[in-house]
Protein backbone atom coordinates (compact mmCIF):
# COMPACT_ATOMS: atom_id res chain seq x y z
CA UNK A 1 -25.11 -5.58 51.90
CA UNK A 2 -25.91 -5.67 48.22
CA UNK A 3 -23.21 -7.07 46.00
CA UNK A 4 -21.76 -4.37 43.81
CA UNK A 5 -22.58 -5.02 40.23
CA UNK A 6 -23.99 -2.65 37.69
CA UNK A 7 -24.21 0.92 36.67
CA UNK A 8 -27.13 2.93 35.29
CA UNK A 9 -27.51 4.25 31.74
CA UNK A 10 -26.15 7.75 31.40
CA UNK A 11 -24.66 9.48 28.41
CA UNK A 12 -20.90 9.00 28.32
CA UNK A 13 -18.40 10.10 25.68
CA UNK A 14 -14.71 9.63 25.14
CA UNK A 15 -13.23 12.17 22.75
CA UNK A 16 -10.60 10.95 20.32
CA UNK A 17 -8.01 13.47 19.23
CA UNK A 18 -6.80 13.53 15.64
CA UNK A 19 -3.31 12.21 14.99
CA UNK A 20 -1.01 14.30 12.82
CA UNK A 21 -0.22 12.62 9.50
CA UNK A 22 3.37 12.39 8.26
CA UNK A 23 3.53 10.69 4.87
CA UNK A 24 6.27 8.10 4.66
CA UNK A 25 7.10 4.45 4.09
CA UNK A 26 8.38 2.01 6.67
CA UNK A 27 12.05 2.78 7.33
CA UNK A 28 11.83 6.46 6.31
CA UNK A 29 13.18 9.07 8.78
CA UNK A 30 10.64 11.29 10.54
CA UNK A 31 10.28 13.50 13.61
CA UNK A 32 8.07 13.06 16.68
CA UNK A 33 7.59 16.71 17.60
CA UNK A 34 10.47 18.96 16.53
CA UNK A 35 13.13 17.61 18.87
CA UNK A 36 12.63 13.83 18.83
CA UNK A 37 14.05 11.99 15.80
CA UNK A 38 12.16 8.95 14.63
CA UNK A 39 11.74 6.31 11.97
CA UNK A 40 8.55 5.14 10.27
CA UNK A 41 7.83 1.74 11.77
CA UNK A 42 4.89 -0.62 12.24
CA UNK A 43 3.13 0.33 15.48
CA UNK A 44 3.57 -3.17 16.96
CA UNK A 45 7.33 -2.97 16.34
CA UNK A 46 7.79 0.43 18.01
CA UNK A 47 9.17 -0.67 21.37
CA UNK A 48 10.10 2.85 22.50
CA UNK A 49 6.70 4.49 22.22
CA UNK A 50 5.24 2.94 25.39
CA UNK A 51 7.85 4.66 27.56
CA UNK A 52 7.04 8.09 26.12
CA UNK A 53 3.29 7.55 26.60
CA UNK A 54 3.63 6.13 30.10
CA UNK A 55 5.90 8.95 31.29
CA UNK A 56 3.68 11.62 29.74
CA UNK A 57 6.46 12.88 27.47
CA UNK A 58 4.10 12.33 24.53
CA UNK A 59 0.37 11.91 24.09
CA UNK A 60 -1.03 9.73 21.33
CA UNK A 61 -2.12 12.89 19.52
CA UNK A 62 1.58 13.78 19.24
CA UNK A 63 2.58 10.49 17.61
CA UNK A 64 2.51 11.13 13.84
CA UNK A 65 1.18 8.49 11.49
CA UNK A 66 3.31 7.69 8.44
CA UNK A 67 0.43 5.85 6.78
CA UNK A 68 -0.92 2.31 6.78
CA UNK A 69 0.76 -0.95 5.89
CA UNK A 70 -0.91 -4.19 4.85
CA UNK A 71 -1.72 -5.19 8.43
CA UNK A 72 -1.44 -2.15 10.66
CA UNK A 73 -0.66 1.54 11.01
CA UNK A 74 2.88 2.81 10.36
CA UNK A 75 3.81 5.41 12.97
CA UNK A 76 6.74 7.74 13.54
CA UNK A 77 8.63 5.73 16.16
CA UNK A 78 11.17 7.53 18.40
CA UNK A 79 14.68 6.26 17.74
CA UNK A 80 15.73 6.51 21.39
CA UNK A 81 13.95 5.42 24.54
CA UNK A 82 12.39 7.67 27.16
CA UNK A 83 12.88 9.05 29.91
CA UNK A 84 14.90 9.84 33.05
CA UNK A 85 13.12 11.43 36.00
CA UNK A 86 15.28 14.55 35.81
CA UNK A 87 14.81 15.81 32.28
CA UNK A 88 16.62 19.07 32.97
CA UNK A 89 20.04 17.54 32.36
CA UNK A 90 19.26 15.58 29.21
CA UNK A 91 17.69 16.02 25.80
CA UNK A 92 15.36 13.56 24.08
CA UNK A 93 18.19 12.33 21.87
CA UNK A 94 20.18 11.10 24.88
CA UNK A 95 17.41 9.71 27.08
CA UNK A 96 17.66 6.08 28.05
CA UNK A 97 15.64 3.71 30.16
CA UNK A 98 17.20 2.06 33.16
CA UNK A 99 15.31 -1.25 33.39
CA UNK A 100 13.88 -2.19 36.76
CA UNK A 101 13.70 -5.74 38.02
CA UNK A 102 10.28 -6.69 36.75
CA UNK A 103 7.80 -8.74 38.75
CA UNK A 104 5.77 -11.25 36.71
CA UNK A 105 2.69 -9.01 36.42
CA UNK A 106 4.84 -6.22 34.94
CA UNK A 107 6.58 -8.59 32.53
CA UNK A 108 3.20 -9.99 31.47
CA UNK A 109 1.90 -6.49 30.79
CA UNK A 110 4.96 -5.69 28.69
CA UNK A 111 4.29 -8.84 26.70
CA UNK A 112 0.61 -7.96 26.24
CA UNK A 113 1.36 -4.44 25.03
CA UNK A 114 4.12 -5.55 22.67
CA UNK A 115 1.73 -7.69 20.63
CA UNK A 116 0.50 -7.04 17.12
CA UNK A 117 -2.43 -4.85 18.10
CA UNK A 118 -1.83 -1.43 16.51
CA UNK A 119 -2.65 1.94 18.02
CA UNK A 120 -6.38 2.14 17.39
CA UNK A 121 -8.77 5.00 18.01
CA UNK A 122 -11.91 3.91 19.85
CA UNK A 123 -14.86 6.28 20.08
CA UNK A 124 -17.57 5.33 22.51
CA UNK A 125 -20.89 7.00 21.88
CA UNK A 126 -22.35 6.33 25.32
CA UNK A 127 -22.57 3.53 27.82
CA UNK A 128 -22.60 0.56 25.40
CA UNK A 129 -19.06 -0.74 24.91
CA UNK A 130 -17.92 -1.39 21.35
CA UNK A 131 -16.41 -4.81 20.49
CA UNK A 132 -12.68 -4.92 21.13
CA UNK A 133 -12.58 -1.96 23.51
CA UNK A 134 -12.42 -4.18 26.62
CA UNK A 135 -11.28 -7.52 25.16
CA UNK A 136 -10.43 -8.85 28.61
CA UNK A 137 -14.07 -8.89 29.78
CA UNK A 138 -15.34 -12.28 30.87
CA UNK A 139 -18.92 -13.23 31.74
CA UNK A 140 -19.04 -16.02 34.31
CA UNK A 141 -21.71 -18.62 33.55
CA UNK A 142 -23.55 -20.77 36.08
CA UNK A 143 -25.66 -23.74 35.00
CA UNK A 144 -28.71 -24.85 37.00
CA UNK A 145 -30.85 -27.70 35.66
CA UNK A 146 -29.63 -26.92 32.17
CA UNK A 147 -30.35 -23.21 32.33
CA UNK A 148 -27.37 -20.84 31.96
CA UNK A 149 -27.21 -17.64 33.98
CA UNK A 150 -24.48 -14.99 33.88
CA UNK A 151 -24.36 -13.55 37.41
CA UNK A 152 -20.79 -12.26 37.74
CA UNK A 153 -18.03 -10.79 35.65
CA UNK A 154 -14.30 -11.23 35.50
CA UNK A 155 -11.14 -10.18 33.68
CA UNK A 156 -8.92 -12.33 31.50
CA UNK A 157 -5.40 -11.65 32.84
CA UNK A 158 -3.55 -14.50 31.10
CA UNK A 159 -4.52 -16.95 28.40
CA UNK A 160 -5.86 -19.47 30.94
CA UNK A 161 -6.79 -17.37 33.98
CA UNK A 162 -9.69 -15.06 34.85
CA UNK A 163 -9.62 -12.69 37.84
CA UNK A 164 -12.89 -12.32 39.73
CA UNK A 165 -14.38 -11.88 43.23
CA UNK A 166 -14.31 -14.69 45.78
CA UNK A 167 -17.97 -14.23 46.70
CA UNK A 168 -18.87 -15.08 43.09
CA UNK A 169 -17.44 -18.61 43.32
CA UNK A 170 -17.29 -19.68 46.99
CA UNK A 171 -20.26 -22.05 47.34
CA UNK A 172 -22.00 -24.94 45.61
CA UNK A 173 -24.61 -22.55 44.22
CA UNK A 174 -21.93 -20.24 42.85
CA UNK A 175 -19.72 -22.82 41.17
CA UNK A 176 -19.13 -21.56 37.63
CA UNK A 177 -19.46 -23.82 34.60
CA UNK A 178 -17.64 -21.76 32.01
CA UNK A 179 -16.63 -18.22 31.07
CA UNK A 180 -17.75 -16.42 27.95
CA UNK A 181 -15.09 -14.30 26.26
CA UNK A 182 -15.27 -11.91 23.33
CA UNK A 183 -18.97 -11.12 23.74
CA UNK A 184 -20.65 -7.74 23.91
CA UNK A 185 -24.21 -9.00 23.50
CA UNK A 186 -24.06 -11.66 26.18
CA UNK A 187 -26.97 -13.86 25.05
CA UNK A 188 -26.53 -13.47 21.29
CA UNK A 189 -22.81 -12.91 20.81
CA UNK A 190 -21.28 -12.17 17.43
CA UNK A 191 -18.97 -14.61 15.73
CA UNK A 192 -15.62 -15.18 17.39
CA UNK A 193 -16.73 -15.48 21.02
CA UNK A 194 -15.36 -18.34 23.10
CA UNK A 195 -16.94 -20.37 25.90
CA UNK A 196 -14.24 -22.10 27.94
CA UNK A 197 -14.92 -24.45 30.85
CA UNK A 198 -13.61 -23.70 34.33
CA UNK A 199 -11.47 -26.53 35.70
CA UNK A 200 -10.24 -25.01 38.97
CA UNK A 201 -11.20 -22.23 41.36
CA UNK A 202 -8.53 -20.50 43.46
CA UNK A 203 -10.16 -18.54 46.29
CA UNK A 204 -7.94 -16.35 48.45
CA UNK A 205 -7.12 -18.42 51.56
CA UNK A 206 -8.07 -15.58 53.92
CA UNK A 207 -11.46 -14.90 52.38
CA UNK A 208 -14.54 -15.38 54.56
CA UNK A 209 -18.09 -14.95 53.31
CA UNK A 210 -18.93 -13.10 56.53
CA UNK A 211 -16.60 -10.21 55.68
CA UNK A 212 -15.67 -8.02 52.73
CA UNK A 213 -11.92 -8.51 53.00
CA UNK A 214 -9.77 -10.59 50.60
CA UNK A 215 -12.68 -10.83 48.17
CA UNK A 216 -10.63 -12.09 45.26
CA UNK A 217 -10.38 -15.35 43.31
CA UNK A 218 -8.85 -16.74 40.13
CA UNK A 219 -10.56 -19.11 37.71
CA UNK A 220 -8.37 -21.57 35.85
CA UNK A 221 -9.67 -22.43 32.39
CA UNK A 222 -9.63 -25.81 30.67
CA UNK A 223 -7.74 -24.43 27.68
CA UNK A 224 -5.99 -21.31 26.52
CA UNK A 225 -8.14 -18.49 25.21
CA UNK A 226 -7.37 -17.82 21.56
CA UNK A 227 -6.44 -14.18 21.28
CA UNK A 228 -8.15 -11.95 18.74
CA UNK A 229 -9.19 -8.33 18.39
CA UNK A 230 -12.04 -9.05 20.81
CA UNK A 231 -10.25 -11.43 23.22
CA UNK A 232 -7.03 -10.41 24.92
CA UNK A 233 -5.68 -10.37 28.50
CA UNK A 234 -5.51 -7.09 30.38
CA UNK A 235 -2.61 -5.61 32.32
CA UNK A 236 -2.79 -5.41 36.09
CA UNK A 237 -2.12 -2.15 37.89
CA UNK A 238 1.15 -2.71 39.77
CA UNK A 239 2.09 0.70 41.18
CA UNK A 240 2.06 0.46 45.01
CA UNK A 241 0.66 3.99 45.15
CA UNK A 242 -2.98 4.64 44.37
CA UNK A 243 -3.60 6.66 41.20
CA UNK A 244 -4.58 10.32 41.58
CA UNK A 245 -8.15 10.98 42.67
CA UNK A 246 -8.90 12.64 39.33
CA UNK A 247 -7.91 9.56 37.34
CA UNK A 248 -10.24 8.21 34.65
CA UNK A 249 -11.76 5.03 36.07
CA UNK A 250 -14.61 2.88 34.81
CA UNK A 251 -16.63 -0.15 35.82
CA UNK A 252 -17.90 -2.55 33.18
CA UNK A 253 -20.26 -5.49 33.09
CA UNK A 254 -23.65 -6.97 32.25
CA UNK A 255 -25.38 -6.49 35.61
CA UNK A 256 -28.47 -4.70 36.87
CA UNK A 257 -29.16 -1.45 35.04
CA UNK A 258 -32.54 -0.65 36.62
CA UNK A 259 -32.94 -0.94 40.40
CA UNK A 260 -36.73 -0.81 40.09
CA UNK A 261 -37.31 -3.94 38.03
CA UNK A 262 -33.82 -5.48 38.59
CA UNK A 263 -33.39 -5.92 34.83
CA UNK A 264 -29.89 -6.88 33.77
CA UNK A 265 -28.24 -5.56 30.66
CA UNK A 266 -28.05 -7.81 27.61
CA UNK A 267 -25.03 -5.90 26.31
CA UNK A 268 -21.73 -4.89 27.87
CA UNK A 269 -21.96 -1.48 29.50
CA UNK A 270 -19.53 0.75 31.30
CA UNK A 271 -19.73 3.80 33.56
CA UNK A 272 -17.23 6.36 34.78
CA UNK A 273 -16.74 6.74 38.53
CA UNK A 274 -14.60 8.81 40.89
CA UNK A 275 -12.12 7.45 43.40
CA UNK A 276 -13.00 8.17 47.03
CA UNK A 277 -10.40 8.50 49.78
CA UNK A 278 -10.23 5.87 52.50
CA UNK A 279 -11.09 8.53 55.08
CA UNK A 280 -14.29 9.59 53.30
CA UNK A 281 -15.21 6.01 52.57
CA UNK A 282 -14.85 5.00 56.22
CA UNK A 283 -17.01 7.93 57.23
CA UNK A 284 -19.72 6.90 54.76
CA UNK A 285 -19.76 3.29 55.86
CA UNK A 286 -19.69 4.39 59.50
CA UNK A 287 -23.17 5.79 58.91
CA UNK A 288 -24.38 2.29 57.96
CA UNK A 289 -24.12 0.06 61.07
CA UNK A 290 -25.37 -3.01 59.22
CA UNK A 291 -22.66 -2.59 56.61
CA UNK A 292 -19.93 -2.33 59.23
CA UNK A 293 -20.67 -5.84 60.51
CA UNK A 294 -18.82 -7.12 57.46
CA UNK A 295 -16.12 -4.44 57.81
CA UNK A 296 -14.96 -4.90 61.38
CA UNK A 297 -11.59 -3.31 60.57
CA UNK A 298 -13.22 -0.58 58.54
CA UNK A 299 -12.12 0.25 55.01
CA UNK A 300 -8.48 -0.82 54.98
CA UNK A 301 -5.71 -0.35 52.41
CA UNK A 302 -6.53 -3.57 50.54
CA UNK A 303 -9.84 -1.98 49.53
CA UNK A 304 -10.59 0.87 47.17
CA UNK A 305 -13.72 3.00 47.13
CA UNK A 306 -15.37 4.61 44.13
CA UNK A 307 -18.65 6.39 43.51
CA UNK A 308 -20.56 8.68 41.18
CA UNK A 309 -20.87 12.11 42.75
CA UNK A 310 -24.32 12.49 41.19
CA UNK A 311 -25.43 9.07 42.47
CA UNK A 312 -26.64 8.06 39.03
CA UNK A 313 -24.03 5.49 37.93
CA UNK A 314 -22.57 2.56 39.81
CA UNK A 315 -21.73 -1.10 39.78
CA UNK A 316 -24.70 -3.22 40.85
CA UNK A 317 -25.87 -6.83 41.14
CA UNK A 318 -24.43 -8.98 38.39
CA UNK A 319 -21.26 -6.91 37.93
CA UNK A 320 -19.42 -8.44 40.91
CA UNK A 321 -16.01 -9.79 40.03
CA UNK A 322 -15.67 -7.48 37.06
CA UNK A 323 -12.96 -4.84 36.75
CA UNK A 324 -12.47 -1.34 38.03
CA UNK A 325 -10.51 -0.05 35.05
CA UNK A 326 -7.90 2.71 35.13
CA UNK A 327 -7.52 4.35 31.73
CA UNK A 328 -4.12 5.95 31.16
CA UNK A 329 -4.63 6.73 27.49
CA UNK A 330 -8.22 6.85 26.29
CA UNK A 331 -7.37 7.36 22.62
CA UNK A 332 -5.45 4.15 22.00
CA UNK A 333 -7.08 2.13 24.76
CA UNK A 334 -4.19 1.83 27.23
CA UNK A 335 -5.62 0.78 30.59
CA UNK A 336 -5.05 -1.59 33.50
CA UNK A 337 -7.15 -3.45 36.06
CA UNK A 338 -7.03 -1.36 39.21
CA UNK A 339 -9.42 -3.41 41.35
CA UNK A 340 -12.15 -6.06 41.40
CA UNK A 341 -15.80 -5.13 41.96
CA UNK A 342 -16.67 -6.47 45.42
CA UNK A 343 -19.69 -5.00 47.22
CA UNK A 344 -21.67 -1.92 48.12
CA UNK A 345 -24.48 -0.64 50.31
CA UNK A 346 -27.08 -0.53 47.56
CA UNK A 347 -26.36 0.75 44.04
CA UNK A 348 -25.64 4.40 43.22
CA UNK A 349 -26.24 5.56 46.79
CA UNK A 350 -24.28 8.10 48.84
CA UNK A 351 -22.20 5.20 50.20
CA UNK A 352 -19.31 4.38 47.83
CA UNK A 353 -18.83 0.94 46.34
CA UNK A 354 -16.08 -1.35 47.65
CA UNK A 355 -13.42 -2.79 45.38
CA UNK A 356 -10.62 -5.26 46.06
CA UNK A 357 -7.34 -3.48 45.33
CA UNK A 358 -5.22 -5.51 42.90
CA UNK A 359 -1.81 -4.31 44.11
CA UNK A 360 -2.54 -5.68 47.59
CA UNK A 361 -2.81 -9.18 46.10
CA UNK A 362 -0.10 -9.27 43.43
CA UNK A 363 1.91 -11.96 45.22
CA UNK A 364 -1.21 -14.14 45.47
CA UNK A 365 -2.12 -13.59 41.80
CA UNK A 366 1.40 -14.11 40.48
CA UNK A 367 1.88 -17.31 42.49
CA UNK A 368 -1.06 -18.88 40.66
CA UNK A 369 -0.92 -17.30 37.21
CA UNK A 370 2.86 -17.02 36.76
CA UNK A 371 4.44 -19.53 39.19
CA UNK A 372 8.22 -19.41 39.47
CA UNK A 373 8.07 -16.08 37.57
CA UNK A 374 7.26 -17.88 34.31
CA UNK A 375 5.54 -15.44 31.94
């Protein structure tokens, strides 16, 4: 088995849609579409907009901009919240949210998305990832005789915790020294990056190096990461149901980008992949007897599979522990960590890559990161 880790260079574009401009000052009345009354408000103070975006009642291209304040964009913020499941009996002016009992990961995500970061259009001109697009990305550093090597990735999920794969940190030779945050160019990062020592390693108690199950771990940092435009925790995917197969998902990291010379990327890259059903994934791995020795139960629900149909992009060596990212709104960068890069039978082959499904381990993650439901 080859540890999943890096994808290959291929042209990749996200297309940003233009946002309608409504001239106004903060506090002025406005309309979001013709039937939703609003008020011009700083984007970070618009608490209602997330519900409309999440429920699909609005896209970011339908959120008018009133202009720009001293610190951030002023948007037309809906006055009322969105949205009941049955919209046939209500109008936008009467929609209300019925709050659910939030688990810590959901409350943490709400806190992350209610920060001061405004709605920002990111345009990616290919595989290289622009600074600030994935501010949760962490490069895990290992020190051997004074030499530093970045062999795995991870995701900042709280100010002092990084989510990664257990196989990245489960032996003396894979004991991390520190994590590097806020870097795109991993060896020559721009100003503002942070290197923070690792003080504790939490490996899932049921993980075994002889199998591919429970391949998840959490690194505890020596100090809180200082948030900035380029350093910020990511939300975890918490829906018990898998996203649709046509969802926009990406892997990201600094791993191998050329399987011939095993060269690793010096800059953060990403690649789009497609989700693969458990049935198809089991069939693919069933054709690889050597791979099945580490999957004695087959591909179970705590695993996700993803692949590139053209077999040109993938995670590869050096990307392990990094995120499988679900993008729910590509224009303003709304996404969540769907899974952790675990392993694969080669890179960009007909056999899909294996990923540790985050929702199967929420209790484990929350017990370490947010004990006693403290967020």
